Amino acid sequence: MKKYIALIHREGDAFGVSFPDLPGCVTVGGSIEEAQALAEEALALHLEGMVEDGEAAPEPSSLDAVMTERENRDAVAVLVQAPKGVVRAVRVSVTFPEDLLQQIDAYAERNGFTRSGFLQLVAKEAMQDESRLRSAA
């Protein structure tokens, strides 16, 4: 079972998480505990996106290797378990207005997501917050 090093950084009132082995795999929580819990979800989504894009997941780096980078030394390093099995990706066809799709793609690219990875993240967040989903309907 692979475990990846996540770095938790204080960012004002929030805690940002990044994975040195997986550029673009990031999340933010209101507390260290929330950030660490969200790191597991972010890692799973990122790895699923890599599989969907036909990319192989890198081998996790050692703590020594990660900490040789000066900018990593100000963070708290935690190990995050990769999902046990890769869930098979299923291709679907959806329709979006062209301008919305362009906005989605631009946002995803700016934040290190693939289109699919971003849409999966937003869908999961919406399902976790049913009240937000109901008010949008």
C-alpha atoms as a PDB file:
ATOM      1  CA  MET A   1       0.000   0.000   0.000  1.00  0.00           C
ATOM      2  CA  LYS A   2       1.516   3.326  -1.097  1.00  0.00           C
ATOM      3  CA  LYS A   3       1.688   6.276   1.251  1.00  0.00           C
ATOM      4  CA  TYR A   4       2.473   9.741  -0.090  1.00  0.00           C
ATOM      5  CA  ILE A   5       3.920  12.625   1.882  1.00  0.00           C
ATOM      6  CA  ALA A   6       1.563  15.573   2.170  1.00  0.00           C
ATOM      7  CA  LEU A   7       2.815  18.946   3.362  1.00  0.00           C
ATOM      8  CA  ILE A   8       0.469  21.055   5.480  1.00  0.00           C
ATOM      9  CA  HIS A   9       1.138  24.814   5.397  1.00  0.00           C
ATOM     10  CA  ARG A  10      -0.596  27.501   7.434  1.00  0.00           C
ATOM     11  CA  GLU A  11      -2.253  30.006   5.105  1.00  0.00           C
ATOM     12  CA  GLY A  12      -3.893  32.725   7.193  1.00  0.00           C
ATOM     13  CA  ASP A  13      -6.867  31.103   8.929  1.00  0.00           C
ATOM     14  CA  ALA A  14      -6.659  27.963   6.769  1.00  0.00           C
ATOM     15  CA  PHE A  15      -4.301  25.054   6.232  1.00  0.00           C
ATOM     16  CA  GLY A  16      -3.190  24.243   2.708  1.00  0.00           C
ATOM     17  CA  VAL A  17      -2.053  20.775   1.694  1.00  0.00           C
ATOM     18  CA  SER A  18       0.205  19.855  -1.190  1.00  0.00           C
ATOM     19  CA  PHE A  19       1.861  16.650  -2.352  1.00  0.00           C
ATOM     20  CA  PRO A  20       5.462  17.098  -3.557  1.00  0.00           C
ATOM     21  CA  ASP A  21       5.224  13.924  -5.669  1.00  0.00           C
ATOM     22  CA  LEU A  22       1.971  15.025  -7.313  1.00  0.00           C
ATOM     23  CA  PRO A  23       2.066  18.622  -8.574  1.00  0.00           C
ATOM     24  CA  GLY A  24      -1.432  20.062  -8.705  1.00  0.00           C
ATOM     25  CA  CYS A  25      -2.761  17.767  -5.996  1.00  0.00           C
ATOM     26  CA  VAL A  26      -3.805  20.336  -3.392  1.00  0.00           C
ATOM     27  CA  THR A  27      -6.574  21.017  -0.912  1.00  0.00           C
ATOM     28  CA  VAL A  28      -7.385  23.413   1.943  1.00  0.00           C
ATOM     29  CA  GLY A  29      -9.012  22.883   5.323  1.00  0.00           C
ATOM     30  CA  GLY A  30     -10.123  25.149   8.146  1.00  0.00           C
ATOM     31  CA  SER A  31      -8.108  23.132  10.671  1.00  0.00           C
ATOM     32  CA  ILE A  32      -5.153  20.764  10.519  1.00  0.00           C
ATOM     33  CA  GLU A  33      -7.500  17.855  11.136  1.00  0.00           C
ATOM     34  CA  GLU A  34      -9.832  18.894   8.309  1.00  0.00           C
ATOM     35  CA  ALA A  35      -6.887  19.517   5.973  1.00  0.00           C
ATOM     36  CA  GLN A  36      -5.504  16.058   6.695  1.00  0.00           C
ATOM     37  CA  ALA A  37      -8.903  14.428   6.079  1.00  0.00           C
ATOM     38  CA  LEU A  38      -9.340  16.355   2.830  1.00  0.00           C
ATOM     39  CA  ALA A  39      -5.822  15.326   1.794  1.00  0.00           C
ATOM     40  CA  GLU A  40      -6.975  11.706   1.566  1.00  0.00           C
ATOM     41  CA  GLU A  41      -9.819  12.702  -0.738  1.00  0.00           C
ATOM     42  CA  ALA A  42      -7.584  14.955  -2.839  1.00  0.00           C
ATOM     43  CA  LEU A  43      -5.022  12.171  -3.239  1.00  0.00           C
ATOM     44  CA  ALA A  44      -7.683   9.661  -4.291  1.00  0.00           C
ATOM     45  CA  LEU A  45      -9.181  12.088  -6.827  1.00  0.00           C
ATOM     46  CA  HIS A  46      -5.788  12.999  -8.227  1.00  0.00           C
ATOM     47  CA  LEU A  47      -4.732   9.389  -8.649  1.00  0.00           C
ATOM     48  CA  GLU A  48      -8.085   8.529 -10.259  1.00  0.00           C
ATOM     49  CA  GLY A  49      -7.569  11.422 -12.687  1.00  0.00           C
ATOM     50  CA  MET A  50      -4.112  10.157 -13.544  1.00  0.00           C
ATOM     51  CA  VAL A  51      -5.497   6.701 -14.305  1.00  0.00           C
ATOM     52  CA  GLU A  52      -8.228   8.251 -16.447  1.00  0.00           C
ATOM     53  CA  ASP A  53      -5.598  10.249 -18.336  1.00  0.00           C
ATOM     54  CA  GLY A  54      -3.481   7.124 -18.844  1.00  0.00           C
ATOM     55  CA  GLU A  55      -0.692   8.331 -16.555  1.00  0.00           C
ATOM     56  CA  ALA A  56       1.184   6.142 -14.088  1.00  0.00           C
ATOM     57  CA  ALA A  57       1.328   7.255 -10.460  1.00  0.00           C
ATOM     58  CA  PRO A  58       4.869   8.054  -9.330  1.00  0.00           C
ATOM     59  CA  GLU A  59       6.540   6.130  -6.569  1.00  0.00           C
ATOM     60  CA  PRO A  60       6.359   8.045  -3.278  1.00  0.00           C
ATOM     61  CA  SER A  61       9.474   9.964  -2.288  1.00  0.00           C
ATOM     62  CA  SER A  62      11.170   9.479   1.048  1.00  0.00           C
ATOM     63  CA  LEU A  63      10.818  12.079   3.785  1.00  0.00           C
ATOM     64  CA  ASP A  64      14.549  12.818   3.466  1.00  0.00           C
ATOM     65  CA  ALA A  65      14.162  13.537  -0.254  1.00  0.00           C
ATOM     66  CA  VAL A  66      11.139  15.805   0.301  1.00  0.00           C
ATOM     67  CA  MET A  67      12.842  17.740   3.095  1.00  0.00           C
ATOM     68  CA  THR A  68      15.941  18.496   1.019  1.00  0.00           C
ATOM     69  CA  GLU A  69      13.801  21.196  -0.638  1.00  0.00           C
ATOM     70  CA  ARG A  70      14.112  24.301   1.511  1.00  0.00           C
ATOM     71  CA  GLU A  71      10.510  25.475   0.933  1.00  0.00           C
ATOM     72  CA  ASN A  72       9.199  22.177   2.340  1.00  0.00           C
ATOM     73  CA  ARG A  73      10.859  22.631   5.721  1.00  0.00           C
ATOM     74  CA  ASP A  74       8.257  25.122   6.960  1.00  0.00           C
ATOM     75  CA  ALA A  75       5.451  22.585   6.573  1.00  0.00           C
ATOM     76  CA  VAL A  76       4.179  19.717   8.666  1.00  0.00           C
ATOM     77  CA  ALA A  77       4.746  16.457   6.802  1.00  0.00           C
ATOM     78  CA  VAL A  78       2.116  13.734   7.114  1.00  0.00           C
ATOM     79  CA  LEU A  79       1.710  10.392   5.365  1.00  0.00           C
ATOM     80  CA  VAL A  80      -1.478   9.921   3.377  1.00  0.00           C
ATOM     81  CA  GLN A  81      -2.624   6.452   2.356  1.00  0.00           C
ATOM     82  CA  ALA A  82      -3.299   5.967  -1.330  1.00  0.00           C
ATOM     83  CA  PRO A  83      -6.576   4.200  -2.092  1.00  0.00           C
ATOM     84  CA  LYS A  84      -6.384   0.400  -2.004  1.00  0.00           C
ATOM     85  CA  GLY A  85      -7.561  -0.177  -5.524  1.00  0.00           C
ATOM     86  CA  VAL A  86      -8.016   2.072  -8.436  1.00  0.00           C
ATOM     87  CA  VAL A  87     -11.646   2.518  -9.273  1.00  0.00           C
ATOM     88  CA  ARG A  88     -12.296   1.864 -12.927  1.00  0.00           C
ATOM     89  CA  ALA A  89     -12.954   5.112 -14.753  1.00  0.00           C
ATOM     90  CA  VAL A  90     -16.062   5.253 -16.925  1.00  0.00           C
ATOM     91  CA  ARG A  91     -16.251   7.678 -19.825  1.00  0.00           C
ATOM     92  CA  VAL A  92     -19.505   9.654 -20.040  1.00  0.00           C
ATOM     93  CA  SER A  93     -20.812  12.241 -22.420  1.00  0.00           C
ATOM     94  CA  VAL A  94     -22.260  15.421 -20.922  1.00  0.00           C
ATOM     95  CA  THR A  95     -23.364  18.686 -22.477  1.00  0.00           C
ATOM     96  CA  PHE A  96     -22.304  22.136 -21.260  1.00  0.00           C
ATOM     97  CA  PRO A  97     -22.780  25.602 -22.695  1.00  0.00           C
ATOM     98  CA  GLU A  98     -19.537  26.466 -24.507  1.00  0.00           C
ATOM     99  CA  ASP A  99     -18.757  29.502 -22.338  1.00  0.00           C
ATOM    100  CA  LEU A 100     -19.229  27.504 -19.131  1.00  0.00           C
ATOM    101  CA  LEU A 101     -16.974  24.716 -20.386  1.00  0.00           C
ATOM    102  CA  GLN A 102     -14.294  27.301 -21.207  1.00  0.00           C
ATOM    103  CA  GLN A 103     -14.583  28.716 -17.684  1.00  0.00           C
ATOM    104  CA  ILE A 104     -14.350  25.213 -16.177  1.00  0.00           C
ATOM    105  CA  ASP A 105     -11.263  24.396 -18.245  1.00  0.00           C
ATOM    106  CA  ALA A 106      -9.556  27.688 -17.359  1.00  0.00           C
ATOM    107  CA  TYR A 107     -10.281  27.255 -13.641  1.00  0.00           C
ATOM    108  CA  ALA A 108      -9.132  23.644 -13.644  1.00  0.00           C
ATOM    109  CA  GLU A 109      -5.891  24.511 -15.437  1.00  0.00           C
ATOM    110  CA  ARG A 110      -5.136  27.451 -13.095  1.00  0.00           C
ATOM    111  CA  ASN A 111      -5.606  25.161 -10.093  1.00  0.00           C
ATOM    112  CA  GLY A 112      -3.741  22.112 -11.341  1.00  0.00           C
ATOM    113  CA  PHE A 113      -6.754  19.929 -12.154  1.00  0.00           C
ATOM    114  CA  THR A 114      -7.791  18.051 -15.235  1.00  0.00           C
ATOM    115  CA  ARG A 115     -11.337  18.842 -16.389  1.00  0.00           C
ATOM    116  CA  SER A 116     -12.498  15.430 -15.165  1.00  0.00           C
ATOM    117  CA  GLY A 117     -10.694  15.733 -11.843  1.00  0.00           C
ATOM    118  CA  PHE A 118     -12.207  19.145 -11.189  1.00  0.00           C
ATOM    119  CA  LEU A 119     -15.734  18.054 -12.106  1.00  0.00           C
ATOM    120  CA  GLN A 120     -15.396  14.963  -9.896  1.00  0.00           C
ATOM    121  CA  LEU A 121     -14.249  17.099  -6.969  1.00  0.00           C
ATOM    122  CA  VAL A 122     -17.126  19.556  -7.374  1.00  0.00           C
ATOM    123  CA  ALA A 123     -19.656  16.719  -7.685  1.00  0.00           C
ATOM    124  CA  LYS A 124     -18.377  15.037  -4.513  1.00  0.00           C
ATOM    125  CA  GLU A 125     -18.430  18.328  -2.605  1.00  0.00           C
ATOM    126  CA  ALA A 126     -21.985  19.032  -3.762  1.00  0.00           C
ATOM    127  CA  MET A 127     -23.156  15.596  -2.680  1.00  0.00           C
ATOM    128  CA  GLN A 128     -21.546  16.083   0.731  1.00  0.00           C
ATOM    129  CA  ASP A 129     -23.385  19.360   1.163  1.00  0.00           C
ATOM    130  CA  GLU A 130     -26.955  18.454   0.189  1.00  0.00           C
ATOM    131  CA  SER A 131     -28.346  21.769   1.394  1.00  0.00           C
ATOM    132  CA  ARG A 132     -26.171  23.635  -1.108  1.00  0.00           C
ATOM    133  CA  LEU A 133     -27.339  21.324  -3.878  1.00  0.00           C
ATOM    134  CA  ARG A 134     -31.028  21.836  -2.979  1.00  0.00           C
ATOM    135  CA  SER A 135     -30.698  25.619  -2.880  1.00  0.00           C
ATOM    136  CA  ALA A 136     -29.112  25.641  -6.330  1.00  0.00           C
ATOM    137  CA  ALA A 137     -31.988  23.689  -7.886  1.00  0.00           C
END
